[in-house]
Amino acid sequence: MAGDTGIRTITVTGTGAAEAPPDLLTISVGVECRRASVGSAYADAGTASAAVSEVLRQNGVADADIRTSGLNVRPELVWREGEGQQVAGYVASSMLTVRVRRVAAASAVIAAVVDAGGDDVRLNGLELGFADESAVLARAREAAWQDAVAAAEKFAALASAHLGAVVSVSEHPLSSGPVPVARLERAVATDAISVEAGHASLGASVTVVWELLA
């Protein structure tokens, strides 16, 4: 299309993706204790959480990669005929977000966590990603650029024209968060669960404006 200067331009958006083996596993580990009193629930949750944290450190997870992301204490209510809503006990829970930088050791780390926390531990989910996305993202951007160039050349040819100089380039952020692995509702055994890393993908999108020459 023609701008205010009379120069014809063509605008194309290209997308691309790149894959690589992930080198970072993020685990959401929960501890949930149901006890008759607030004090017991809170104390036992603290003990279980400390045991999980300690076994993570024993398996090579750095302190900086263990973060408490939630803490809650609440009454557990039940309805009893003729009595109404009653407090049956108390639930104390906490959440740890853990980054495992040796993905190959993930199965052993998870098994150790479950063993340390026992029946009070919950594995709420796993996510695979990259400690440094820059190299993978660079390849995704290159693929997006090539996609935009190919489309622009095709449209220019259809218009009996050819591409001139690049007028502008803008990148559009795409979701590049870690790739989720199947959710684990609750750990029921201490046997190692196999974590297959496979490949994770990052995407890029770029909009390029070229001069359109006759």
N, C-alpha and C. Protein backbone atom coordinates (compact mmCIF):
# COMPACT_ATOMS: atom_id res chain seq x y z
N MET A 1 0.83 -1.19 0.00
CA MET A 1 0.00 0.00 0.00
C MET A 1 0.86 1.24 0.00
N ALA A 2 0.32 2.40 -0.38
CA ALA A 2 1.08 3.64 -0.47
C ALA A 2 0.94 4.42 0.81
N GLY A 3 2.06 4.96 1.30
CA GLY A 3 2.02 5.80 2.48
C GLY A 3 1.88 7.25 2.09
N ASP A 4 2.05 8.16 3.06
CA ASP A 4 1.92 9.60 2.79
C ASP A 4 3.00 10.08 1.84
N THR A 5 4.14 9.37 1.78
CA THR A 5 5.24 9.79 0.91
C THR A 5 5.07 9.27 -0.51
N GLY A 6 4.05 8.49 -0.76
CA GLY A 6 3.84 7.94 -2.09
C GLY A 6 4.62 6.66 -2.33
N ILE A 7 5.38 6.19 -1.35
CA ILE A 7 6.15 4.97 -1.51
C ILE A 7 5.25 3.77 -1.26
N ARG A 8 5.25 2.82 -2.17
CA ARG A 8 4.47 1.61 -1.96
C ARG A 8 5.22 0.67 -1.02
N THR A 9 4.46 0.07 -0.14
CA THR A 9 5.07 -0.87 0.80
C THR A 9 4.24 -2.14 0.88
N ILE A 10 4.87 -3.18 1.42
CA ILE A 10 4.18 -4.43 1.69
C ILE A 10 4.53 -4.86 3.11
N THR A 11 3.53 -5.27 3.85
CA THR A 11 3.72 -5.66 5.26
C THR A 11 3.37 -7.14 5.42
N VAL A 12 4.28 -7.90 6.00
CA VAL A 12 4.08 -9.34 6.17
C VAL A 12 4.51 -9.74 7.58
N THR A 13 3.75 -10.63 8.19
CA THR A 13 4.11 -11.20 9.49
C THR A 13 4.55 -12.64 9.30
N GLY A 14 5.72 -12.97 9.81
CA GLY A 14 6.24 -14.33 9.72
C GLY A 14 6.35 -14.95 11.10
N THR A 15 6.18 -16.24 11.16
CA THR A 15 6.31 -16.97 12.43
C THR A 15 7.30 -18.11 12.25
N GLY A 16 7.93 -18.49 13.34
CA GLY A 16 8.89 -19.58 13.31
C GLY A 16 9.05 -20.21 14.67
N ALA A 17 9.63 -21.38 14.70
CA ALA A 17 9.85 -22.09 15.96
C ALA A 17 11.16 -22.85 15.89
N ALA A 18 11.71 -23.11 17.05
CA ALA A 18 12.94 -23.90 17.15
C ALA A 18 12.82 -24.83 18.35
N GLU A 19 13.41 -26.01 18.22
CA GLU A 19 13.36 -27.00 19.28
C GLU A 19 14.75 -27.31 19.80
N ALA A 20 14.80 -27.75 21.04
CA ALA A 20 16.06 -28.18 21.66
C ALA A 20 15.71 -29.01 22.89
N PRO A 21 16.63 -29.86 23.32
CA PRO A 21 16.38 -30.62 24.56
C PRO A 21 16.33 -29.65 25.75
N PRO A 22 15.30 -29.69 26.57
CA PRO A 22 15.22 -28.79 27.73
C PRO A 22 16.29 -29.12 28.76
N ASP A 23 16.76 -28.09 29.44
CA ASP A 23 17.79 -28.31 30.46
C ASP A 23 17.36 -27.81 31.83
N LEU A 24 16.05 -27.58 31.99
CA LEU A 24 15.53 -27.10 33.27
C LEU A 24 14.16 -27.73 33.53
N LEU A 25 14.01 -28.31 34.71
CA LEU A 25 12.73 -28.87 35.11
C LEU A 25 12.23 -28.12 36.34
N THR A 26 11.03 -27.58 36.26
CA THR A 26 10.42 -26.89 37.39
C THR A 26 9.34 -27.78 37.98
N ILE A 27 9.46 -28.07 39.27
CA ILE A 27 8.53 -28.96 39.96
C ILE A 27 7.74 -28.15 40.99
N SER A 28 6.44 -28.37 41.04
CA SER A 28 5.60 -27.78 42.08
C SER A 28 5.32 -28.86 43.11
N VAL A 29 5.89 -28.70 44.30
CA VAL A 29 5.77 -29.69 45.37
C VAL A 29 4.92 -29.12 46.49
N GLY A 30 3.87 -29.81 46.84
CA GLY A 30 3.00 -29.37 47.92
C GLY A 30 3.11 -30.28 49.13
N VAL A 31 2.91 -29.70 50.31
CA VAL A 31 2.81 -30.46 51.55
C VAL A 31 1.47 -30.13 52.18
N GLU A 32 0.70 -31.14 52.53
CA GLU A 32 -0.64 -30.93 53.09
C GLU A 32 -0.85 -31.86 54.27
N CYS A 33 -1.08 -31.29 55.45
CA CYS A 33 -1.26 -32.07 56.68
C CYS A 33 -2.63 -31.81 57.29
N ARG A 34 -3.38 -32.88 57.53
CA ARG A 34 -4.67 -32.80 58.23
C ARG A 34 -4.49 -33.34 59.64
N ARG A 35 -4.77 -32.49 60.63
CA ARG A 35 -4.59 -32.88 62.02
C ARG A 35 -5.76 -32.37 62.85
N ALA A 36 -5.85 -32.84 64.08
CA ALA A 36 -6.96 -32.46 64.95
C ALA A 36 -6.85 -31.02 65.45
N SER A 37 -5.64 -30.49 65.56
CA SER A 37 -5.46 -29.14 66.06
C SER A 37 -4.65 -28.30 65.08
N VAL A 38 -4.80 -26.99 65.21
CA VAL A 38 -4.05 -26.08 64.36
C VAL A 38 -2.56 -26.27 64.56
N GLY A 39 -2.14 -26.33 65.83
CA GLY A 39 -0.72 -26.45 66.14
C GLY A 39 -0.10 -27.70 65.55
N SER A 40 -0.81 -28.83 65.66
CA SER A 40 -0.28 -30.08 65.12
C SER A 40 -0.17 -30.02 63.60
N ALA A 41 -1.21 -29.50 62.95
CA ALA A 41 -1.20 -29.40 61.50
C ALA A 41 -0.05 -28.52 61.03
N TYR A 42 0.11 -27.37 61.66
CA TYR A 42 1.15 -26.42 61.27
C TYR A 42 2.55 -27.00 61.52
N ALA A 43 2.73 -27.60 62.68
CA ALA A 43 4.04 -28.16 63.03
C ALA A 43 4.42 -29.31 62.10
N ASP A 44 3.47 -30.19 61.83
CA ASP A 44 3.76 -31.34 60.98
C ASP A 44 4.02 -30.91 59.53
N ALA A 45 3.29 -29.90 59.09
CA ALA A 45 3.53 -29.38 57.73
C ALA A 45 4.93 -28.79 57.64
N GLY A 46 5.35 -28.09 58.69
CA GLY A 46 6.69 -27.54 58.71
C GLY A 46 7.75 -28.61 58.70
N THR A 47 7.52 -29.68 59.44
CA THR A 47 8.47 -30.78 59.49
C THR A 47 8.59 -31.47 58.14
N ALA A 48 7.43 -31.73 57.51
CA ALA A 48 7.45 -32.38 56.20
C ALA A 48 8.10 -31.50 55.14
N SER A 49 7.79 -30.20 55.19
CA SER A 49 8.38 -29.27 54.22
C SER A 49 9.89 -29.19 54.39
N ALA A 50 10.34 -29.17 55.65
CA ALA A 50 11.78 -29.12 55.91
C ALA A 50 12.47 -30.39 55.41
N ALA A 51 11.80 -31.54 55.58
CA ALA A 51 12.37 -32.81 55.12
C ALA A 51 12.50 -32.82 53.60
N VAL A 52 11.48 -32.29 52.92
CA VAL A 52 11.52 -32.21 51.46
C VAL A 52 12.65 -31.29 51.01
N SER A 53 12.76 -30.13 51.64
CA SER A 53 13.82 -29.18 51.28
C SER A 53 15.21 -29.78 51.49
N GLU A 54 15.37 -30.50 52.60
CA GLU A 54 16.66 -31.10 52.89
C GLU A 54 17.04 -32.16 51.87
N VAL A 55 16.09 -33.00 51.48
CA VAL A 55 16.40 -34.05 50.51
C VAL A 55 16.66 -33.45 49.14
N LEU A 56 16.04 -32.33 48.84
CA LEU A 56 16.35 -31.65 47.58
C LEU A 56 17.80 -31.18 47.57
N ARG A 57 18.23 -30.59 48.68
CA ARG A 57 19.63 -30.14 48.77
C ARG A 57 20.59 -31.33 48.68
N GLN A 58 20.23 -32.44 49.30
CA GLN A 58 21.08 -33.64 49.25
C GLN A 58 21.20 -34.17 47.82
N ASN A 59 20.21 -33.85 47.00
CA ASN A 59 20.24 -34.29 45.60
C ASN A 59 20.75 -33.21 44.66
N GLY A 60 21.45 -32.23 45.22
CA GLY A 60 22.14 -31.26 44.39
C GLY A 60 21.36 -30.04 43.98
N VAL A 61 20.17 -29.83 44.54
CA VAL A 61 19.39 -28.64 44.21
C VAL A 61 19.86 -27.48 45.10
N ALA A 62 20.22 -26.37 44.48
CA ALA A 62 20.76 -25.23 45.22
C ALA A 62 19.65 -24.50 45.98
N ASP A 63 20.04 -23.81 47.05
CA ASP A 63 19.07 -23.06 47.85
C ASP A 63 18.30 -22.05 47.00
N ALA A 64 19.01 -21.43 46.04
CA ALA A 64 18.38 -20.41 45.19
C ALA A 64 17.29 -21.00 44.29
N ASP A 65 17.31 -22.33 44.12
CA ASP A 65 16.33 -22.99 43.25
C ASP A 65 15.18 -23.61 44.04
N ILE A 66 15.10 -23.34 45.34
CA ILE A 66 13.99 -23.82 46.18
C ILE A 66 13.27 -22.60 46.74
N ARG A 67 12.01 -22.44 46.37
CA ARG A 67 11.27 -21.25 46.79
C ARG A 67 9.90 -21.64 47.35
N THR A 68 9.59 -21.12 48.54
CA THR A 68 8.25 -21.31 49.10
C THR A 68 7.29 -20.34 48.42
N SER A 69 6.28 -20.89 47.76
CA SER A 69 5.37 -20.04 46.98
C SER A 69 3.96 -20.01 47.56
N GLY A 70 3.73 -20.66 48.69
CA GLY A 70 2.39 -20.63 49.27
C GLY A 70 2.38 -21.24 50.66
N LEU A 71 1.58 -20.67 51.56
CA LEU A 71 1.44 -21.19 52.91
C LEU A 71 0.01 -20.91 53.37
N ASN A 72 -0.68 -21.96 53.86
CA ASN A 72 -2.08 -21.81 54.23
C ASN A 72 -2.44 -22.72 55.39
N VAL A 73 -3.24 -22.20 56.33
CA VAL A 73 -3.80 -23.00 57.42
C VAL A 73 -5.30 -22.72 57.47
N ARG A 74 -6.12 -23.76 57.44
CA ARG A 74 -7.57 -23.55 57.41
C ARG A 74 -8.27 -24.66 58.18
N PRO A 75 -9.46 -24.38 58.68
CA PRO A 75 -10.24 -25.43 59.33
C PRO A 75 -10.88 -26.33 58.27
N GLU A 76 -11.03 -27.58 58.60
CA GLU A 76 -11.73 -28.52 57.73
C GLU A 76 -13.14 -28.69 58.28
N LEU A 77 -14.13 -28.26 57.52
CA LEU A 77 -15.51 -28.21 57.98
C LEU A 77 -16.33 -29.37 57.45
N VAL A 78 -17.21 -29.90 58.27
CA VAL A 78 -18.14 -30.95 57.85
C VAL A 78 -19.54 -30.56 58.32
N TRP A 79 -20.54 -31.10 57.65
CA TRP A 79 -21.93 -30.84 58.02
C TRP A 79 -22.47 -32.06 58.77
N ARG A 80 -23.00 -31.82 59.95
CA ARG A 80 -23.57 -32.91 60.74
C ARG A 80 -25.04 -32.61 61.00
N GLU A 81 -25.85 -33.63 60.77
CA GLU A 81 -27.29 -33.49 60.94
C GLU A 81 -27.62 -33.07 62.38
N GLY A 82 -28.39 -32.02 62.49
CA GLY A 82 -28.80 -31.52 63.78
C GLY A 82 -27.78 -30.63 64.47
N GLU A 83 -26.57 -30.58 63.94
CA GLU A 83 -25.52 -29.76 64.55
C GLU A 83 -25.03 -28.65 63.62
N GLY A 84 -25.32 -28.84 62.32
CA GLY A 84 -24.86 -27.84 61.36
C GLY A 84 -23.40 -28.04 61.00
N GLN A 85 -22.77 -26.97 60.62
CA GLN A 85 -21.37 -27.03 60.18
C GLN A 85 -20.44 -27.08 61.39
N GLN A 86 -19.57 -28.09 61.38
CA GLN A 86 -18.66 -28.29 62.50
C GLN A 86 -17.22 -28.38 62.00
N VAL A 87 -16.29 -28.01 62.86
CA VAL A 87 -14.86 -28.13 62.55
C VAL A 87 -14.42 -29.56 62.86
N ALA A 88 -13.98 -30.28 61.83
CA ALA A 88 -13.55 -31.66 62.01
C ALA A 88 -12.04 -31.76 62.21
N GLY A 89 -11.33 -30.70 61.93
CA GLY A 89 -9.88 -30.71 62.05
C GLY A 89 -9.31 -29.50 61.35
N TYR A 90 -8.01 -29.53 61.13
CA TYR A 90 -7.34 -28.39 60.50
C TYR A 90 -6.36 -28.89 59.43
N VAL A 91 -6.23 -28.10 58.39
CA VAL A 91 -5.34 -28.45 57.28
C VAL A 91 -4.29 -27.36 57.13
N ALA A 92 -3.04 -27.75 57.20
CA ALA A 92 -1.93 -26.82 56.94
C ALA A 92 -1.24 -27.26 55.66
N SER A 93 -1.00 -26.32 54.78
CA SER A 93 -0.37 -26.67 53.51
C SER A 93 0.67 -25.62 53.13
N SER A 94 1.65 -26.06 52.39
CA SER A 94 2.66 -25.16 51.85
C SER A 94 3.04 -25.64 50.46
N MET A 95 3.61 -24.75 49.67
CA MET A 95 3.98 -25.07 48.31
C MET A 95 5.42 -24.68 48.06
N LEU A 96 6.17 -25.56 47.45
CA LEU A 96 7.55 -25.27 47.06
C LEU A 96 7.65 -25.31 45.54
N THR A 97 8.29 -24.30 44.98
CA THR A 97 8.61 -24.30 43.56
C THR A 97 10.09 -24.62 43.44
N VAL A 98 10.40 -25.70 42.75
CA VAL A 98 11.77 -26.22 42.72
C VAL A 98 12.26 -26.28 41.28
N ARG A 99 13.47 -25.77 41.07
CA ARG A 99 14.10 -25.86 39.75
C ARG A 99 15.20 -26.91 39.78
N VAL A 100 15.07 -27.92 38.95
CA VAL A 100 16.07 -28.98 38.84
C VAL A 100 16.85 -28.75 37.56
N ARG A 101 18.14 -28.50 37.69
CA ARG A 101 18.95 -28.15 36.53
C ARG A 101 19.63 -29.36 35.91
N ARG A 102 19.51 -30.51 36.53
CA ARG A 102 19.98 -31.76 35.92
C ARG A 102 18.75 -32.59 35.59
N VAL A 103 18.23 -32.38 34.38
CA VAL A 103 16.98 -33.03 34.00
C VAL A 103 17.12 -34.54 34.03
N ALA A 104 18.29 -35.05 33.71
CA ALA A 104 18.50 -36.50 33.72
C ALA A 104 18.30 -37.10 35.10
N ALA A 105 18.49 -36.27 36.15
CA ALA A 105 18.34 -36.76 37.52
C ALA A 105 16.94 -36.54 38.08
N ALA A 106 16.03 -36.03 37.25
CA ALA A 106 14.70 -35.64 37.74
C ALA A 106 13.94 -36.79 38.38
N SER A 107 13.98 -37.97 37.78
CA SER A 107 13.23 -39.10 38.32
C SER A 107 13.69 -39.44 39.73
N ALA A 108 15.01 -39.43 39.94
CA ALA A 108 15.55 -39.75 41.26
C ALA A 108 15.19 -38.66 42.28
N VAL A 109 15.22 -37.40 41.83
CA VAL A 109 14.86 -36.29 42.73
C VAL A 109 13.40 -36.39 43.16
N ILE A 110 12.52 -36.67 42.22
CA ILE A 110 11.10 -36.79 42.54
C ILE A 110 10.85 -37.94 43.51
N ALA A 111 11.50 -39.07 43.26
CA ALA A 111 11.33 -40.22 44.16
C ALA A 111 11.81 -39.88 45.57
N ALA A 112 12.92 -39.15 45.67
CA ALA A 112 13.44 -38.76 46.98
C ALA A 112 12.49 -37.82 47.71
N VAL A 113 11.89 -36.91 46.96
CA VAL A 113 10.92 -35.96 47.54
C VAL A 113 9.71 -36.71 48.10
N VAL A 114 9.18 -37.63 47.32
CA VAL A 114 8.01 -38.40 47.75
C VAL A 114 8.34 -39.23 48.99
N ASP A 115 9.52 -39.82 49.00
CA ASP A 115 9.93 -40.63 50.14
C ASP A 115 10.08 -39.78 51.40
N ALA A 116 10.65 -38.58 51.23
CA ALA A 116 10.88 -37.70 52.39
C ALA A 116 9.57 -37.16 52.95
N GLY A 117 8.64 -36.81 52.09
CA GLY A 117 7.38 -36.22 52.54
C GLY A 117 6.32 -37.22 52.91
N GLY A 118 6.46 -38.45 52.45
CA GLY A 118 5.48 -39.49 52.77
C GLY A 118 4.09 -39.16 52.25
N ASP A 119 3.08 -39.52 53.03
CA ASP A 119 1.69 -39.33 52.62
C ASP A 119 1.28 -37.86 52.58
N ASP A 120 2.10 -36.99 53.16
CA ASP A 120 1.74 -35.57 53.21
C ASP A 120 2.22 -34.79 51.99
N VAL A 121 2.98 -35.41 51.10
CA VAL A 121 3.52 -34.69 49.95
C VAL A 121 2.59 -34.80 48.75
N ARG A 122 2.55 -33.75 47.95
CA ARG A 122 1.78 -33.72 46.71
C ARG A 122 2.68 -33.20 45.59
N LEU A 123 2.65 -33.85 44.44
CA LEU A 123 3.34 -33.33 43.27
C LEU A 123 2.28 -32.72 42.37
N ASN A 124 2.27 -31.40 42.29
CA ASN A 124 1.19 -30.71 41.58
C ASN A 124 1.45 -30.49 40.10
N GLY A 125 2.68 -30.68 39.66
CA GLY A 125 2.94 -30.52 38.24
C GLY A 125 4.42 -30.37 37.95
N LEU A 126 4.77 -30.64 36.70
CA LEU A 126 6.15 -30.50 36.22
C LEU A 126 6.14 -29.63 34.96
N GLU A 127 7.19 -28.85 34.78
CA GLU A 127 7.32 -28.05 33.56
C GLU A 127 8.75 -28.13 33.07
N LEU A 128 8.90 -28.39 31.78
CA LEU A 128 10.22 -28.45 31.16
C LEU A 128 10.50 -27.16 30.41
N GLY A 129 11.71 -26.65 30.53
CA GLY A 129 12.06 -25.41 29.84
C GLY A 129 13.55 -25.27 29.70
N PHE A 130 14.00 -24.02 29.56
CA PHE A 130 15.42 -23.73 29.32
C PHE A 130 15.94 -22.76 30.37
N ALA A 131 17.14 -23.05 30.88
CA ALA A 131 17.79 -22.11 31.79
C ALA A 131 18.17 -20.83 31.08
N ASP A 132 18.57 -20.95 29.81
CA ASP A 132 18.90 -19.80 28.97
C ASP A 132 18.24 -20.01 27.61
N GLU A 133 17.23 -19.21 27.32
CA GLU A 133 16.45 -19.39 26.09
C GLU A 133 17.08 -18.71 24.88
N SER A 134 18.14 -17.94 25.06
CA SER A 134 18.62 -17.05 24.00
C SER A 134 19.00 -17.79 22.71
N ALA A 135 19.74 -18.90 22.82
CA ALA A 135 20.18 -19.59 21.62
C ALA A 135 19.00 -20.19 20.85
N VAL A 136 18.07 -20.79 21.57
CA VAL A 136 16.90 -21.38 20.91
C VAL A 136 16.01 -20.29 20.32
N LEU A 137 15.84 -19.19 21.06
CA LEU A 137 15.02 -18.10 20.58
C LEU A 137 15.62 -17.45 19.34
N ALA A 138 16.96 -17.38 19.27
CA ALA A 138 17.62 -16.81 18.09
C ALA A 138 17.28 -17.61 16.84
N ARG A 139 17.26 -18.94 16.97
CA ARG A 139 16.90 -19.78 15.82
C ARG A 139 15.43 -19.63 15.46
N ALA A 140 14.58 -19.46 16.46
CA ALA A 140 13.16 -19.24 16.19
C ALA A 140 12.95 -17.92 15.45
N ARG A 141 13.68 -16.88 15.85
CA ARG A 141 13.58 -15.58 15.18
C ARG A 141 14.05 -15.67 13.73
N GLU A 142 15.13 -16.41 13.51
CA GLU A 142 15.62 -16.58 12.14
C GLU A 142 14.58 -17.29 11.28
N ALA A 143 13.93 -18.31 11.85
CA ALA A 143 12.89 -19.02 11.11
C ALA A 143 11.71 -18.10 10.82
N ALA A 144 11.36 -17.23 11.77
CA ALA A 144 10.26 -16.28 11.56
C ALA A 144 10.62 -15.29 10.45
N TRP A 145 11.87 -14.84 10.46
CA TRP A 145 12.32 -13.90 9.41
C TRP A 145 12.23 -14.55 8.04
N GLN A 146 12.73 -15.78 7.92
CA GLN A 146 12.69 -16.46 6.63
C GLN A 146 11.25 -16.69 6.17
N ASP A 147 10.36 -16.95 7.11
CA ASP A 147 8.95 -17.12 6.77
C ASP A 147 8.37 -15.83 6.23
N ALA A 148 8.72 -14.71 6.85
CA ALA A 148 8.23 -13.40 6.39
C ALA A 148 8.78 -13.07 5.01
N VAL A 149 10.07 -13.33 4.80
CA VAL A 149 10.69 -13.05 3.50
C VAL A 149 10.03 -13.86 2.39
N ALA A 150 9.83 -15.15 2.64
CA ALA A 150 9.23 -16.02 1.62
C ALA A 150 7.83 -15.54 1.25
N ALA A 151 7.03 -15.17 2.27
CA ALA A 151 5.67 -14.70 1.99
C ALA A 151 5.69 -13.37 1.24
N ALA A 152 6.59 -12.46 1.66
CA ALA A 152 6.65 -11.16 1.01
C ALA A 152 7.08 -11.29 -0.45
N GLU A 153 8.05 -12.14 -0.73
CA GLU A 153 8.48 -12.35 -2.11
C GLU A 153 7.37 -12.92 -2.97
N LYS A 154 6.59 -13.82 -2.37
CA LYS A 154 5.47 -14.41 -3.11
C LYS A 154 4.42 -13.36 -3.44
N PHE A 155 4.05 -12.52 -2.45
CA PHE A 155 3.07 -11.47 -2.70
C PHE A 155 3.58 -10.45 -3.70
N ALA A 156 4.86 -10.11 -3.61
CA ALA A 156 5.43 -9.15 -4.55
C ALA A 156 5.37 -9.68 -5.97
N ALA A 157 5.69 -10.97 -6.13
CA ALA A 157 5.63 -11.57 -7.45
C ALA A 157 4.20 -11.55 -8.00
N LEU A 158 3.23 -11.82 -7.16
CA LEU A 158 1.83 -11.79 -7.59
C LEU A 158 1.41 -10.38 -8.02
N ALA A 159 2.07 -9.38 -7.42
CA ALA A 159 1.77 -7.99 -7.77
C ALA A 159 2.66 -7.47 -8.89
N SER A 160 3.42 -8.37 -9.53
CA SER A 160 4.34 -7.99 -10.61
C SER A 160 5.32 -6.93 -10.13
N ALA A 161 5.86 -7.12 -8.91
CA ALA A 161 6.81 -6.18 -8.34
C ALA A 161 7.90 -6.99 -7.64
N HIS A 162 8.83 -6.29 -6.99
CA HIS A 162 9.84 -6.98 -6.20
C HIS A 162 10.15 -6.16 -4.96
N LEU A 163 10.77 -6.82 -4.00
CA LEU A 163 11.01 -6.18 -2.73
C LEU A 163 12.18 -5.20 -2.80
N GLY A 164 12.00 -4.08 -2.08
CA GLY A 164 13.06 -3.10 -1.95
C GLY A 164 13.67 -3.17 -0.57
N ALA A 165 14.03 -2.02 -0.01
CA ALA A 165 14.65 -1.95 1.30
C ALA A 165 13.63 -2.22 2.40
N VAL A 166 14.13 -2.71 3.53
CA VAL A 166 13.27 -2.91 4.69
C VAL A 166 12.98 -1.56 5.33
N VAL A 167 11.69 -1.28 5.54
CA VAL A 167 11.27 -0.01 6.14
C VAL A 167 11.24 -0.12 7.66
N SER A 168 10.71 -1.23 8.17
CA SER A 168 10.62 -1.43 9.63
C SER A 168 10.51 -2.91 9.95
N VAL A 169 10.93 -3.24 11.17
CA VAL A 169 10.82 -4.61 11.69
C VAL A 169 10.31 -4.52 13.12
N SER A 170 9.31 -5.31 13.45
CA SER A 170 8.80 -5.36 14.82
C SER A 170 8.55 -6.80 15.21
N GLU A 171 8.92 -7.12 16.44
CA GLU A 171 8.74 -8.47 16.96
C GLU A 171 7.54 -8.51 17.88
N HIS A 172 6.78 -9.59 17.79
CA HIS A 172 5.61 -9.76 18.65
C HIS A 172 5.89 -10.87 19.64
N PRO A 173 5.74 -10.60 20.93
CA PRO A 173 6.02 -11.64 21.92
C PRO A 173 5.04 -12.80 21.81
N LEU A 174 5.59 -13.98 21.88
CA LEU A 174 4.78 -15.19 21.92
C LEU A 174 5.00 -15.85 23.26
N SER A 175 4.02 -16.65 23.66
CA SER A 175 4.16 -17.38 24.92
C SER A 175 5.35 -18.31 24.81
N SER A 176 6.33 -18.15 25.70
CA SER A 176 7.53 -18.97 25.65
C SER A 176 7.83 -19.60 27.00
N GLY A 177 6.78 -19.84 27.77
CA GLY A 177 6.97 -20.44 29.07
C GLY A 177 7.37 -21.90 28.97
N PRO A 178 7.70 -22.51 30.06
CA PRO A 178 8.07 -23.91 30.07
C PRO A 178 6.97 -24.81 29.53
N VAL A 179 7.37 -25.93 29.00
CA VAL A 179 6.41 -26.88 28.45
C VAL A 179 5.91 -27.79 29.56
N PRO A 180 4.57 -27.83 29.79
CA PRO A 180 4.07 -28.65 30.89
C PRO A 180 4.16 -30.14 30.59
N VAL A 181 4.45 -30.90 31.63
CA VAL A 181 4.42 -32.36 31.55
C VAL A 181 3.14 -32.82 32.23
N ALA A 182 2.75 -34.04 31.98
CA ALA A 182 1.50 -34.55 32.55
C ALA A 182 1.42 -34.27 34.05
N ARG A 183 0.27 -33.77 34.50
CA ARG A 183 0.05 -33.40 35.89
C ARG A 183 -0.01 -34.64 36.77
N LEU A 184 0.63 -34.56 37.92
CA LEU A 184 0.57 -35.64 38.89
C LEU A 184 -0.29 -35.20 40.06
N GLU A 185 -1.47 -35.77 40.21
CA GLU A 185 -2.40 -35.32 41.24
C GLU A 185 -1.87 -35.61 42.65
N ARG A 186 -1.33 -36.80 42.84
CA ARG A 186 -0.84 -37.14 44.18
C ARG A 186 0.16 -38.28 44.09
N ALA A 187 1.22 -38.17 44.85
CA ALA A 187 2.22 -39.24 44.87
C ALA A 187 1.70 -40.37 45.75
N VAL A 188 1.75 -41.59 45.23
CA VAL A 188 1.24 -42.73 45.99
C VAL A 188 2.31 -43.80 46.18
N ALA A 189 3.49 -43.57 45.65
CA ALA A 189 4.54 -44.57 45.80
C ALA A 189 5.89 -43.88 45.72
N THR A 190 6.90 -44.54 46.24
CA THR A 190 8.24 -43.95 46.22
C THR A 190 9.06 -44.45 45.05
N ASP A 191 8.48 -45.30 44.21
CA ASP A 191 9.21 -45.74 43.03
C ASP A 191 9.41 -44.56 42.08
N ALA A 192 10.55 -44.55 41.41
CA ALA A 192 10.86 -43.44 40.51
C ALA A 192 9.91 -43.43 39.32
N ILE A 193 9.40 -42.24 39.01
CA ILE A 193 8.58 -42.03 37.82
C ILE A 193 9.50 -41.51 36.73
N SER A 194 9.48 -42.15 35.58
CA SER A 194 10.37 -41.75 34.50
C SER A 194 9.94 -40.40 33.93
N VAL A 195 10.88 -39.46 33.86
CA VAL A 195 10.62 -38.15 33.25
C VAL A 195 11.36 -38.11 31.92
N GLU A 196 10.63 -38.13 30.82
CA GLU A 196 11.22 -38.08 29.49
C GLU A 196 11.26 -36.63 29.02
N ALA A 197 12.46 -36.09 28.86
CA ALA A 197 12.61 -34.67 28.54
C ALA A 197 12.18 -34.36 27.10
N GLY A 198 12.54 -35.23 26.15
CA GLY A 198 12.20 -34.96 24.76
C GLY A 198 12.77 -33.64 24.28
N HIS A 199 12.00 -32.92 23.49
CA HIS A 199 12.40 -31.60 23.00
C HIS A 199 11.32 -30.58 23.37
N ALA A 200 11.75 -29.38 23.71
CA ALA A 200 10.84 -28.27 23.96
C ALA A 200 11.00 -27.25 22.84
N SER A 201 9.97 -26.48 22.61
CA SER A 201 9.94 -25.56 21.48
C SER A 201 9.68 -24.13 21.93
N LEU A 202 10.34 -23.19 21.26
CA LEU A 202 10.07 -21.76 21.45
C LEU A 202 9.66 -21.17 20.11
N GLY A 203 8.73 -20.21 20.16
CA GLY A 203 8.25 -19.59 18.94
C GLY A 203 8.58 -18.11 18.87
N ALA A 204 8.57 -17.58 17.66
CA ALA A 204 8.82 -16.15 17.45
C ALA A 204 7.93 -15.65 16.33
N SER A 205 7.58 -14.38 16.39
CA SER A 205 6.76 -13.75 15.35
C SER A 205 7.32 -12.37 15.05
N VAL A 206 7.46 -12.06 13.76
CA VAL A 206 8.04 -10.77 13.36
C VAL A 206 7.23 -10.18 12.21
N THR A 207 6.97 -8.88 12.29
CA THR A 207 6.28 -8.17 11.22
C THR A 207 7.29 -7.25 10.52
N VAL A 208 7.40 -7.40 9.20
CA VAL A 208 8.39 -6.65 8.42
C VAL A 208 7.67 -5.85 7.34
N VAL A 209 8.09 -4.61 7.19
CA VAL A 209 7.57 -3.74 6.13
C VAL A 209 8.70 -3.49 5.12
N TRP A 210 8.43 -3.82 3.85
CA TRP A 210 9.38 -3.58 2.78
C TRP A 210 8.85 -2.51 1.82
N GLU A 211 9.77 -1.84 1.14
CA GLU A 211 9.37 -1.07 -0.03
C GLU A 211 8.98 -2.03 -1.14
N LEU A 212 7.98 -1.70 -1.89
CA LEU A 212 7.52 -2.52 -3.00
C LEU A 212 7.87 -1.79 -4.28
N LEU A 213 8.81 -2.36 -5.05
CA LEU A 213 9.32 -1.70 -6.24
C LEU A 213 8.73 -2.35 -7.50
N ALA A 214 8.53 -1.53 -8.49
CA ALA A 214 7.97 -2.02 -9.75
C ALA A 214 9.00 -2.85 -10.50
